PDB file of N, CA and C in Angstrom:
ATOM      1  N   MET A   1     -50.733   0.602 -32.916  1.00  0.00           N
ATOM      2  CA  MET A   1     -52.176   0.585 -32.887  1.00  0.00           C
ATOM      3  C   MET A   1     -52.712   0.968 -34.259  1.00  0.00           C
ATOM      4  N   ASN A   2     -53.535   0.134 -34.842  1.00  0.00           N
ATOM      5  CA  ASN A   2     -54.116   0.399 -36.144  1.00  0.00           C
ATOM      6  C   ASN A   2     -55.474   1.064 -35.951  1.00  0.00           C
ATOM      7  N   LEU A   3     -55.515   2.397 -36.060  1.00  0.00           N
ATOM      8  CA  LEU A   3     -56.733   3.148 -35.799  1.00  0.00           C
ATOM      9  C   LEU A   3     -57.833   2.878 -36.811  1.00  0.00           C
ATOM     10  N   PHE A   4     -57.464   2.590 -38.044  1.00  0.00           N
ATOM     11  CA  PHE A   4     -58.438   2.404 -39.104  1.00  0.00           C
ATOM     12  C   PHE A   4     -58.156   1.119 -39.871  1.00  0.00           C
ATOM     13  N   SER A   5     -58.315   0.000 -39.208  1.00  0.00           N
ATOM     14  CA  SER A   5     -58.149  -1.274 -39.899  1.00  0.00           C
ATOM     15  C   SER A   5     -59.305  -1.432 -40.885  1.00  0.00           C
ATOM     16  N   ASP A   6     -59.233  -2.438 -41.739  1.00  0.00           N
ATOM     17  CA  ASP A   6     -60.293  -2.679 -42.712  1.00  0.00           C
ATOM     18  C   ASP A   6     -61.645  -2.872 -42.037  1.00  0.00           C
ATOM     19  N   ALA A   7     -61.664  -3.403 -40.840  1.00  0.00           N
ATOM     20  CA  ALA A   7     -62.917  -3.652 -40.131  1.00  0.00           C
ATOM     21  C   ALA A   7     -63.538  -2.352 -39.610  1.00  0.00           C
ATOM     22  N   ILE A   8     -62.729  -1.319 -39.406  1.00  0.00           N
ATOM     23  CA  ILE A   8     -63.217  -0.065 -38.852  1.00  0.00           C
ATOM     24  C   ILE A   8     -63.607   0.921 -39.943  1.00  0.00           C
ATOM     25  N   ARG A   9     -62.969   0.858 -41.095  1.00  0.00           N
ATOM     26  CA  ARG A   9     -63.312   1.773 -42.187  1.00  0.00           C
ATOM     27  C   ARG A   9     -64.700   1.453 -42.718  1.00  0.00           C
ATOM     28  N   VAL A  10     -65.468   2.494 -43.018  1.00  0.00           N
ATOM     29  CA  VAL A  10     -66.839   2.307 -43.494  1.00  0.00           C
ATOM     30  C   VAL A  10     -67.040   3.038 -44.816  1.00  0.00           C
ATOM     31  N   GLY A  11     -68.155   2.725 -45.477  1.00  0.00           N
ATOM     32  CA  GLY A  11     -68.518   3.389 -46.723  1.00  0.00           C
ATOM     33  C   GLY A  11     -67.454   3.249 -47.782  1.00  0.00           C
ATOM     34  N   PRO A  12     -67.189   4.315 -48.531  1.00  0.00           N
ATOM     35  CA  PRO A  12     -66.211   4.239 -49.620  1.00  0.00           C
ATOM     36  C   PRO A  12     -64.789   4.004 -49.142  1.00  0.00           C
ATOM     37  N   LEU A  13     -64.501   4.253 -47.864  1.00  0.00           N
ATOM     38  CA  LEU A  13     -63.151   4.034 -47.348  1.00  0.00           C
ATOM     39  C   LEU A  13     -62.871   2.562 -47.051  1.00  0.00           C
ATOM     40  N   SER A  14     -63.905   1.727 -47.074  1.00  0.00           N
ATOM     41  CA  SER A  14     -63.708   0.316 -46.737  1.00  0.00           C
ATOM     42  C   SER A  14     -63.018  -0.460 -47.853  1.00  0.00           C
ATOM     43  N   SER A  15     -63.126   0.004 -49.099  1.00  0.00           N
ATOM     44  CA  SER A  15     -62.428  -0.668 -50.201  1.00  0.00           C
ATOM     45  C   SER A  15     -62.427   0.227 -51.427  1.00  0.00           C
ATOM     46  N   GLY A  16     -61.501  -0.026 -52.319  1.00  0.00           N
ATOM     47  CA  GLY A  16     -61.459   0.682 -53.592  1.00  0.00           C
ATOM     48  C   GLY A  16     -60.985   2.121 -53.528  1.00  0.00           C
ATOM     49  N   CYS A  17     -60.239   2.477 -52.496  1.00  0.00           N
ATOM     50  CA  CYS A  17     -59.719   3.840 -52.421  1.00  0.00           C
ATOM     51  C   CYS A  17     -58.277   3.804 -51.915  1.00  0.00           C
ATOM     52  N   GLN A  18     -57.590   4.925 -52.106  1.00  0.00           N
ATOM     53  CA  GLN A  18     -56.207   5.049 -51.657  1.00  0.00           C
ATOM     54  C   GLN A  18     -56.184   5.979 -50.449  1.00  0.00           C
ATOM     55  N   ILE A  19     -55.673   5.504 -49.332  1.00  0.00           N
ATOM     56  CA  ILE A  19     -55.559   6.301 -48.126  1.00  0.00           C
ATOM     57  C   ILE A  19     -54.429   7.312 -48.329  1.00  0.00           C
ATOM     58  N   ILE A  20     -54.724   8.604 -48.065  1.00  0.00           N
ATOM     59  CA  ILE A  20     -53.705   9.633 -48.285  1.00  0.00           C
ATOM     60  C   ILE A  20     -53.358  10.422 -47.031  1.00  0.00           C
ATOM     61  N   GLY A  21     -54.116  10.248 -45.944  1.00  0.00           N
ATOM     62  CA  GLY A  21     -53.772  11.015 -44.761  1.00  0.00           C
ATOM     63  C   GLY A  21     -54.513  10.600 -43.505  1.00  0.00           C
ATOM     64  N   LEU A  22     -53.910  10.932 -42.369  1.00  0.00           N
ATOM     65  CA  LEU A  22     -54.503  10.707 -41.063  1.00  0.00           C
ATOM     66  C   LEU A  22     -54.168  11.918 -40.203  1.00  0.00           C
ATOM     67  N   ALA A  23     -55.190  12.488 -39.569  1.00  0.00           N
ATOM     68  CA  ALA A  23     -54.993  13.622 -38.665  1.00  0.00           C
ATOM     69  C   ALA A  23     -55.672  13.303 -37.341  1.00  0.00           C
ATOM     70  N   MET A  24     -55.111  13.831 -36.242  1.00  0.00           N
ATOM     71  CA  MET A  24     -55.706  13.626 -34.924  1.00  0.00           C
ATOM     72  C   MET A  24     -55.762  14.951 -34.193  1.00  0.00           C
ATOM     73  N   ASP A  25     -56.760  15.075 -33.294  1.00  0.00           N
ATOM     74  CA  ASP A  25     -56.839  16.283 -32.483  1.00  0.00           C
ATOM     75  C   ASP A  25     -55.742  16.232 -31.416  1.00  0.00           C
ATOM     76  N   PRO A  26     -55.441  17.368 -30.761  1.00  0.00           N
ATOM     77  CA  PRO A  26     -54.344  17.389 -29.784  1.00  0.00           C
ATOM     78  C   PRO A  26     -54.502  16.413 -28.608  1.00  0.00           C
ATOM     79  N   GLN A  27     -55.733  16.096 -28.193  1.00  0.00           N
ATOM     80  CA  GLN A  27     -55.954  15.152 -27.093  1.00  0.00           C
ATOM     81  C   GLN A  27     -56.036  13.705 -27.568  1.00  0.00           C
ATOM     82  N   GLU A  28     -55.931  13.480 -28.863  1.00  0.00           N
ATOM     83  CA  GLU A  28     -56.013  12.160 -29.490  1.00  0.00           C
ATOM     84  C   GLU A  28     -57.326  11.446 -29.163  1.00  0.00           C
ATOM     85  N   LYS A  29     -58.419  12.216 -29.161  1.00  0.00           N
ATOM     86  CA  LYS A  29     -59.763  11.650 -28.991  1.00  0.00           C
ATOM     87  C   LYS A  29     -60.463  11.498 -30.333  1.00  0.00           C
ATOM     88  N   TRP A  30     -60.091  12.322 -31.303  1.00  0.00           N
ATOM     89  CA  TRP A  30     -60.699  12.316 -32.624  1.00  0.00           C
ATOM     90  C   TRP A  30     -59.632  12.015 -33.671  1.00  0.00           C
ATOM     91  N   ALA A  31     -60.028  11.285 -34.703  1.00  0.00           N
ATOM     92  CA  ALA A  31     -59.125  10.994 -35.815  1.00  0.00           C
ATOM     93  C   ALA A  31     -59.867  11.185 -37.132  1.00  0.00           C
ATOM     94  N   LEU A  32     -59.151  11.656 -38.128  1.00  0.00           N
ATOM     95  CA  LEU A  32     -59.707  11.859 -39.459  1.00  0.00           C
ATOM     96  C   LEU A  32     -58.861  11.094 -40.458  1.00  0.00           C
ATOM     97  N   LEU A  33     -59.490  10.164 -41.149  1.00  0.00           N
ATOM     98  CA  LEU A  33     -58.830   9.391 -42.198  1.00  0.00           C
ATOM     99  C   LEU A  33     -59.266   9.969 -43.541  1.00  0.00           C
ATOM    100  N   THR A  34     -58.306  10.253 -44.409  1.00  0.00           N
ATOM    101  CA  THR A  34     -58.589  10.851 -45.708  1.00  0.00           C
ATOM    102  C   THR A  34     -58.158   9.893 -46.811  1.00  0.00           C
ATOM    103  N   ALA A  35     -59.014   9.777 -47.843  1.00  0.00           N
ATOM    104  CA  ALA A  35     -58.733   8.871 -48.957  1.00  0.00           C
ATOM    105  C   ALA A  35     -59.243   9.482 -50.254  1.00  0.00           C
ATOM    106  N   ILE A  36     -58.750   8.953 -51.377  1.00  0.00           N
ATOM    107  CA  ILE A  36     -59.237   9.355 -52.700  1.00  0.00           C
ATOM    108  C   ILE A  36     -59.593   8.116 -53.502  1.00  0.00           C
ATOM    109  N   SER A  37     -60.478   8.313 -54.464  1.00  0.00           N
ATOM    110  CA  SER A  37     -60.817   7.245 -55.402  1.00  0.00           C
ATOM    111  C   SER A  37     -61.093   7.872 -56.759  1.00  0.00           C
ATOM    112  N   SER A  38     -61.011   7.049 -57.782  1.00  0.00           N
ATOM    113  CA  SER A  38     -61.294   7.507 -59.138  1.00  0.00           C
ATOM    114  C   SER A  38     -62.157   6.460 -59.832  1.00  0.00           C
ATOM    115  N   PRO A  39     -63.469   6.690 -59.852  1.00  0.00           N
ATOM    116  CA  PRO A  39     -64.361   5.700 -60.446  1.00  0.00           C
ATOM    117  C   PRO A  39     -64.286   5.610 -61.968  1.00  0.00           C
ATOM    118  N   ASP A  40     -63.644   6.602 -62.598  1.00  0.00           N
ATOM    119  CA  ASP A  40     -63.607   6.632 -64.067  1.00  0.00           C
ATOM    120  C   ASP A  40     -62.187   6.578 -64.624  1.00  0.00           C
ATOM    121  N   GLY A  41     -61.308   5.909 -63.924  1.00  0.00           N
ATOM    122  CA  GLY A  41     -59.953   5.692 -64.424  1.00  0.00           C
ATOM    123  C   GLY A  41     -59.068   6.920 -64.424  1.00  0.00           C
ATOM    124  N   GLY A  42     -59.310   7.882 -63.556  1.00  0.00           N
ATOM    125  CA  GLY A  42     -58.428   9.032 -63.433  1.00  0.00           C
ATOM    126  C   GLY A  42     -58.988  10.338 -63.964  1.00  0.00           C
ATOM    127  N   LYS A  43     -60.148  10.334 -64.592  1.00  0.00           N
ATOM    128  CA  LYS A  43     -60.732  11.585 -65.089  1.00  0.00           C
ATOM    129  C   LYS A  43     -61.203  12.479 -63.946  1.00  0.00           C
ATOM    130  N   THR A  44     -61.734  11.875 -62.908  1.00  0.00           N
ATOM    131  CA  THR A  44     -62.125  12.631 -61.720  1.00  0.00           C
ATOM    132  C   THR A  44     -61.525  11.963 -60.487  1.00  0.00           C
ATOM    133  N   ILE A  45     -61.245  12.767 -59.485  1.00  0.00           N
ATOM    134  CA  ILE A  45     -60.718  12.263 -58.221  1.00  0.00           C
ATOM    135  C   ILE A  45     -61.724  12.636 -57.132  1.00  0.00           C
ATOM    136  N   ASN A  46     -62.313  11.639 -56.502  1.00  0.00           N
ATOM    137  CA  ASN A  46     -63.258  11.856 -55.417  1.00  0.00           C
ATOM    138  C   ASN A  46     -62.530  11.782 -54.083  1.00  0.00           C
ATOM    139  N   GLY A  47     -62.868  12.693 -53.183  1.00  0.00           N
ATOM    140  CA  GLY A  47     -62.275  12.705 -51.851  1.00  0.00           C
ATOM    141  C   GLY A  47     -63.240  12.130 -50.837  1.00  0.00           C
ATOM    142  N   HIS A  48     -62.715  11.319 -49.931  1.00  0.00           N
ATOM    143  CA  HIS A  48     -63.516  10.675 -48.887  1.00  0.00           C
ATOM    144  C   HIS A  48     -62.820  10.877 -47.551  1.00  0.00           C
ATOM    145  N   MET A  49     -63.609  11.193 -46.523  1.00  0.00           N
ATOM    146  CA  MET A  49     -63.053  11.348 -45.189  1.00  0.00           C
ATOM    147  C   MET A  49     -63.951  10.636 -44.191  1.00  0.00           C
ATOM    148  N   GLN A  50     -63.321  10.072 -43.175  1.00  0.00           N
ATOM    149  CA  GLN A  50     -64.043   9.415 -42.088  1.00  0.00           C
ATOM    150  C   GLN A  50     -63.563  10.019 -40.782  1.00  0.00           C
ATOM    151  N   LEU A  51     -64.469  10.704 -40.085  1.00  0.00           N
ATOM    152  CA  LEU A  51     -64.178  11.305 -38.786  1.00  0.00           C
ATOM    153  C   LEU A  51     -64.620  10.329 -37.708  1.00  0.00           C
ATOM    154  N   ASN A  52     -63.698   9.964 -36.826  1.00  0.00           N
ATOM    155  CA  ASN A  52     -63.995   8.983 -35.781  1.00  0.00           C
ATOM    156  C   ASN A  52     -63.723   9.541 -34.397  1.00  0.00           C
ATOM    157  N   LEU A  53     -64.620   9.226 -33.464  1.00  0.00           N
ATOM    158  CA  LEU A  53     -64.388   9.464 -32.051  1.00  0.00           C
ATOM    159  C   LEU A  53     -63.753   8.197 -31.510  1.00  0.00           C
ATOM    160  N   LEU A  54     -62.487   8.271 -31.139  1.00  0.00           N
ATOM    161  CA  LEU A  54     -61.738   7.085 -30.734  1.00  0.00           C
ATOM    162  C   LEU A  54     -62.253   6.553 -29.401  1.00  0.00           C
ATOM    163  N   GLY A  55     -62.315   5.248 -29.288  1.00  0.00           N
ATOM    164  CA  GLY A  55     -62.773   4.600 -28.077  1.00  0.00           C
ATOM    165  C   GLY A  55     -64.274   4.411 -28.021  1.00  0.00           C
ATOM    166  N   ALA A  56     -65.002   4.988 -28.945  1.00  0.00           N
ATOM    167  CA  ALA A  56     -66.458   4.822 -28.979  1.00  0.00           C
ATOM    168  C   ALA A  56     -66.793   3.600 -29.828  1.00  0.00           C
ATOM    169  N   GLU A  57     -67.869   2.926 -29.506  1.00  0.00           N
ATOM    170  CA  GLU A  57     -68.275   1.717 -30.232  1.00  0.00           C
ATOM    171  C   GLU A  57     -68.496   2.028 -31.715  1.00  0.00           C
ATOM    172  N   VAL A  58     -69.449   2.862 -32.012  1.00  0.00           N
ATOM    173  CA  VAL A  58     -69.718   3.256 -33.398  1.00  0.00           C
ATOM    174  C   VAL A  58     -69.948   4.751 -33.399  1.00  0.00           C
ATOM    175  N   LYS A  59     -68.899   5.505 -33.583  1.00  0.00           N
ATOM    176  CA  LYS A  59     -68.991   6.953 -33.584  1.00  0.00           C
ATOM    177  C   LYS A  59     -68.166   7.468 -34.750  1.00  0.00           C
ATOM    178  N   ASN A  60     -68.731   7.445 -35.959  1.00  0.00           N
ATOM    179  CA  ASN A  60     -67.998   7.972 -37.095  1.00  0.00           C
ATOM    180  C   ASN A  60     -68.936   8.729 -38.011  1.00  0.00           C
ATOM    181  N   GLN A  61     -68.354   9.601 -38.806  1.00  0.00           N
ATOM    182  CA  GLN A  61     -69.110  10.381 -39.768  1.00  0.00           C
ATOM    183  C   GLN A  61     -68.342  10.388 -41.071  1.00  0.00           C
ATOM    184  N   LEU A  62     -69.037  10.115 -42.161  1.00  0.00           N
ATOM    185  CA  LEU A  62     -68.427  10.159 -43.482  1.00  0.00           C
ATOM    186  C   LEU A  62     -68.619  11.535 -44.084  1.00  0.00           C
ATOM    187  N   LEU A  63     -67.565  12.051 -44.702  1.00  0.00           N
ATOM    188  CA  LEU A  63     -67.581  13.364 -45.332  1.00  0.00           C
ATOM    189  C   LEU A  63     -67.002  13.241 -46.732  1.00  0.00           C
ATOM    190  N   GLU A  64     -67.425  14.120 -47.629  1.00  0.00           N
ATOM    191  CA  GLU A  64     -66.872  14.144 -48.979  1.00  0.00           C
ATOM    192  C   GLU A  64     -65.932  15.332 -49.090  1.00  0.00           C
ATOM    193  N   GLY A  65     -64.671  15.071 -49.315  1.00  0.00           N
ATOM    194  CA  GLY A  65     -63.687  16.130 -49.433  1.00  0.00           C
ATOM    195  C   GLY A  65     -62.289  15.567 -49.457  1.00  0.00           C
ATOM    196  N   HIS A  66     -61.319  16.457 -49.546  1.00  0.00           N
ATOM    197  CA  HIS A  66     -59.939  16.033 -49.731  1.00  0.00           C
ATOM    198  C   HIS A  66     -59.006  16.325 -48.555  1.00  0.00           C
ATOM    199  N   CYS A  67     -59.418  17.164 -47.601  1.00  0.00           N
ATOM    200  CA  CYS A  67     -58.523  17.442 -46.483  1.00  0.00           C
ATOM    201  C   CYS A  67     -59.292  18.019 -45.292  1.00  0.00           C
ATOM    202  N   GLY A  68     -58.712  17.834 -44.124  1.00  0.00           N
ATOM    203  CA  GLY A  68     -59.288  18.351 -42.891  1.00  0.00           C
ATOM    204  C   GLY A  68     -58.201  18.459 -41.834  1.00  0.00           C
ATOM    205  N   CYS A  69     -58.490  19.210 -40.765  1.00  0.00           N
ATOM    206  CA  CYS A  69     -57.512  19.354 -39.691  1.00  0.00           C
ATOM    207  C   CYS A  69     -58.216  19.694 -38.376  1.00  0.00           C
ATOM    208  N   PHE A  70     -57.471  19.590 -37.298  1.00  0.00           N
ATOM    209  CA  PHE A  70     -57.957  19.889 -35.961  1.00  0.00           C
ATOM    210  C   PHE A  70     -57.155  21.047 -35.386  1.00  0.00           C
ATOM    211  N   GLY A  71     -57.744  21.711 -34.415  1.00  0.00           N
ATOM    212  CA  GLY A  71     -57.051  22.785 -33.723  1.00  0.00           C
ATOM    213  C   GLY A  71     -57.739  23.072 -32.403  1.00  0.00           C
ATOM    214  N   GLU A  72     -57.201  24.022 -31.668  1.00  0.00           N
ATOM    215  CA  GLU A  72     -57.779  24.428 -30.387  1.00  0.00           C
ATOM    216  C   GLU A  72     -57.829  25.950 -30.328  1.00  0.00           C
ATOM    217  N   ALA A  73     -58.866  26.468 -29.649  1.00  0.00           N
ATOM    218  CA  ALA A  73     -58.994  27.917 -29.469  1.00  0.00           C
ATOM    219  C   ALA A  73     -59.896  28.202 -28.278  1.00  0.00           C
ATOM    220  N   TYR A  74     -59.701  29.365 -27.689  1.00  0.00           N
ATOM    221  CA  TYR A  74     -60.574  29.826 -26.611  1.00  0.00           C
ATOM    222  C   TYR A  74     -61.733  30.567 -27.264  1.00  0.00           C
ATOM    223  N   ILE A  75     -62.903  29.928 -27.291  1.00  0.00           N
ATOM    224  CA  ILE A  75     -64.058  30.506 -27.975  1.00  0.00           C
ATOM    225  C   ILE A  75     -65.075  31.055 -26.980  1.00  0.00           C
ATOM    226  N   HIS A  76     -65.438  30.259 -26.001  1.00  0.00           N
ATOM    227  CA  HIS A  76     -66.508  30.620 -25.078  1.00  0.00           C
ATOM    228  C   HIS A  76     -66.030  31.481 -23.914  1.00  0.00           C
ATOM    229  N   ASN A  77     -64.859  31.171 -23.388  1.00  0.00           N
ATOM    230  CA  ASN A  77     -64.268  31.957 -22.305  1.00  0.00           C
ATOM    231  C   ASN A  77     -62.784  31.635 -22.213  1.00  0.00           C
ATOM    232  N   PRO A  78     -62.036  32.449 -21.494  1.00  0.00           N
ATOM    233  CA  PRO A  78     -60.583  32.256 -21.437  1.00  0.00           C
ATOM    234  C   PRO A  78     -60.124  31.013 -20.666  1.00  0.00           C
ATOM    235  N   GLN A  79     -61.004  30.348 -19.946  1.00  0.00           N
ATOM    236  CA  GLN A  79     -60.627  29.160 -19.182  1.00  0.00           C
ATOM    237  C   GLN A  79     -60.926  27.849 -19.910  1.00  0.00           C
ATOM    238  N   HIS A  80     -61.698  27.888 -20.975  1.00  0.00           N
ATOM    239  CA  HIS A  80     -62.097  26.657 -21.673  1.00  0.00           C
ATOM    240  C   HIS A  80     -61.564  26.662 -23.101  1.00  0.00           C
ATOM    241  N   LYS A  81     -60.662  25.736 -23.372  1.00  0.00           N
ATOM    242  CA  LYS A  81     -60.111  25.599 -24.716  1.00  0.00           C
ATOM    243  C   LYS A  81     -60.977  24.610 -25.489  1.00  0.00           C
ATOM    244  N   SER A  82     -61.518  25.039 -26.615  1.00  0.00           N
ATOM    245  CA  SER A  82     -62.390  24.205 -27.441  1.00  0.00           C
ATOM    246  C   SER A  82     -61.578  23.469 -28.499  1.00  0.00           C
ATOM    247  N   THR A  83     -62.000  22.262 -28.824  1.00  0.00           N
ATOM    248  CA  THR A  83     -61.404  21.512 -29.923  1.00  0.00           C
ATOM    249  C   THR A  83     -62.178  21.839 -31.191  1.00  0.00           C
ATOM    250  N   LEU A  84     -61.461  22.239 -32.232  1.00  0.00           N
ATOM    251  CA  LEU A  84     -62.077  22.640 -33.484  1.00  0.00           C
ATOM    252  C   LEU A  84     -61.709  21.666 -34.586  1.00  0.00           C
ATOM    253  N   PHE A  85     -62.641  21.514 -35.531  1.00  0.00           N
ATOM    254  CA  PHE A  85     -62.426  20.660 -36.695  1.00  0.00           C
ATOM    255  C   PHE A  85     -62.800  21.465 -37.921  1.00  0.00           C
ATOM    256  N   SER A  86     -61.960  21.436 -38.923  1.00  0.00           N
ATOM    257  CA  SER A  86     -62.216  22.131 -40.171  1.00  0.00           C
ATOM    258  C   SER A  86     -61.948  21.174 -41.322  1.00  0.00           C
ATOM    259  N   TYR A  87     -62.779  21.275 -42.352  1.00  0.00           N
ATOM    260  CA  TYR A  87     -62.536  20.445 -43.527  1.00  0.00           C
ATOM    261  C   TYR A  87     -63.017  21.137 -44.791  1.00  0.00           C
ATOM    262  N   PHE A  88     -62.439  20.720 -45.881  1.00  0.00           N
ATOM    263  CA  PHE A  88     -62.729  21.230 -47.203  1.00  0.00           C
ATOM    264  C   PHE A  88     -63.636  20.213 -47.887  1.00  0.00           C
ATOM    265  N   GLU A  89     -64.857  20.615 -48.205  1.00  0.00           N
ATOM    266  CA  GLU A  89     -65.826  19.689 -48.805  1.00  0.00           C
ATOM    267  C   GLU A  89     -65.979  19.964 -50.300  1.00  0.00           C
ATOM    268  N   ARG A  90     -65.935  18.892 -51.061  1.00  0.00           N
ATOM    269  CA  ARG A  90     -66.260  18.948 -52.484  1.00  0.00           C
ATOM    270  C   ARG A  90     -66.969  17.648 -52.823  1.00  0.00           C
ATOM    271  N   LYS A  91     -68.267  17.760 -53.030  1.00  0.00           N
ATOM    272  CA  LYS A  91     -69.068  16.571 -53.294  1.00  0.00           C
ATOM    273  C   LYS A  91     -68.884  16.113 -54.726  1.00  0.00           C
ATOM    274  N   ALA A  92     -68.957  14.792 -54.917  1.00  0.00           N
ATOM    275  CA  ALA A  92     -68.803  14.202 -56.251  1.00  0.00           C
ATOM    276  C   ALA A  92     -69.854  14.780 -57.189  1.00  0.00           C
ATOM    277  N   GLY A  93     -69.426  15.177 -58.370  1.00  0.00           N
ATOM    278  CA  GLY A  93     -70.333  15.707 -59.372  1.00  0.00           C
ATOM    279  C   GLY A  93     -70.640  17.188 -59.242  1.00  0.00           C
ATOM    280  N   GLU A  94     -70.131  17.848 -58.220  1.00  0.00           N
ATOM    281  CA  GLU A  94     -70.372  19.280 -58.029  1.00  0.00           C
ATOM    282  C   GLU A  94     -69.105  20.070 -58.335  1.00  0.00           C
ATOM    283  N   SER A  95     -69.276  21.291 -58.810  1.00  0.00           N
ATOM    284  CA  SER A  95     -68.116  22.124 -59.147  1.00  0.00           C
ATOM    285  C   SER A  95     -67.775  23.124 -58.042  1.00  0.00           C
ATOM    286  N   THR A  96     -68.632  23.244 -57.039  1.00  0.00           N
ATOM    287  CA  THR A  96     -68.357  24.184 -55.948  1.00  0.00           C
ATOM    288  C   THR A  96     -67.742  23.463 -54.754  1.00  0.00           C
ATOM    289  N   SER A  97     -66.990  24.213 -53.983  1.00  0.00           N
ATOM    290  CA  SER A  97     -66.356  23.689 -52.777  1.00  0.00           C
ATOM    291  C   SER A  97     -66.740  24.564 -51.596  1.00  0.00           C
ATOM    292  N   LYS A  98     -66.696  23.983 -50.400  1.00  0.00           N
ATOM    293  CA  LYS A  98     -67.019  24.719 -49.179  1.00  0.00           C
ATOM    294  C   LYS A  98     -65.985  24.379 -48.109  1.00  0.00           C
ATOM    295  N   ILE A  99     -65.753  25.347 -47.216  1.00  0.00           N
ATOM    296  CA  ILE A  99     -64.891  25.118 -46.063  1.00  0.00           C
ATOM    297  C   ILE A  99     -65.779  25.190 -44.826  1.00  0.00           C
ATOM    298  N   TYR A 100     -65.665  24.184 -43.950  1.00  0.00           N
ATOM    299  CA  TYR A 100     -66.456  24.130 -42.729  1.00  0.00           C
ATOM    300  C   TYR A 100     -65.539  24.223 -41.510  1.00  0.00           C
ATOM    301  N   PHE A 101     -66.003  24.935 -40.489  1.00  0.00           N
ATOM    302  CA  PHE A 101     -65.334  25.018 -39.194  1.00  0.00           C
ATOM    303  C   PHE A 101     -66.366  24.673 -38.142  1.00  0.00           C
ATOM    304  N   SER A 102     -66.033  23.788 -37.213  1.00  0.00           N
ATOM    305  CA  SER A 102     -66.983  23.457 -36.163  1.00  0.00           C
ATOM    306  C   SER A 102     -66.248  23.062 -34.889  1.00  0.00           C
ATOM    307  N   GLU A 103     -66.940  23.263 -33.778  1.00  0.00           N
ATOM    308  CA  GLU A 103     -66.439  22.817 -32.489  1.00  0.00           C
ATOM    309  C   GLU A 103     -66.903  21.381 -32.284  1.00  0.00           C
ATOM    310  N   ILE A 104     -66.004  20.513 -31.843  1.00  0.00           N
ATOM    311  CA  ILE A 104     -66.377  19.124 -31.608  1.00  0.00           C
ATOM    312  C   ILE A 104     -66.084  18.757 -30.163  1.00  0.00           C
ATOM    313  N   GLY A 105     -66.667  17.665 -29.737  1.00  0.00           N
ATOM    314  CA  GLY A 105     -66.455  17.211 -28.361  1.00  0.00           C
ATOM    315  C   GLY A 105     -67.451  17.840 -27.417  1.00  0.00           C
ATOM    316  N   ASN A 106     -67.087  17.902 -26.138  1.00  0.00           N
ATOM    317  CA  ASN A 106     -67.980  18.460 -25.108  1.00  0.00           C
ATOM    318  C   ASN A 106     -68.039  19.968 -25.180  1.00  0.00           C
TER     319      ASN A 106
END
């Protein structure tokens, strides 16, 4: 199964970049495609990520960064395991980086 064919990739991931990674959540409902590009011949490396909800018609989000991952934890109560998504953001042209953690799904 090709999760991210050329027809499914959007924005900067649709062309002109090198795919460097794919991550999925434990239930295989979410997928993260990671890519890099260099618009200036190697002087800078831009990171691109596409977060997709699998099986949805058009459910994706573009992020700027170089890596991300999924995990699970009991956040709200001991009976409900939440799906978590974390990624490292570094926007093109900026010198600062940020780490984000969020609960995704229901």
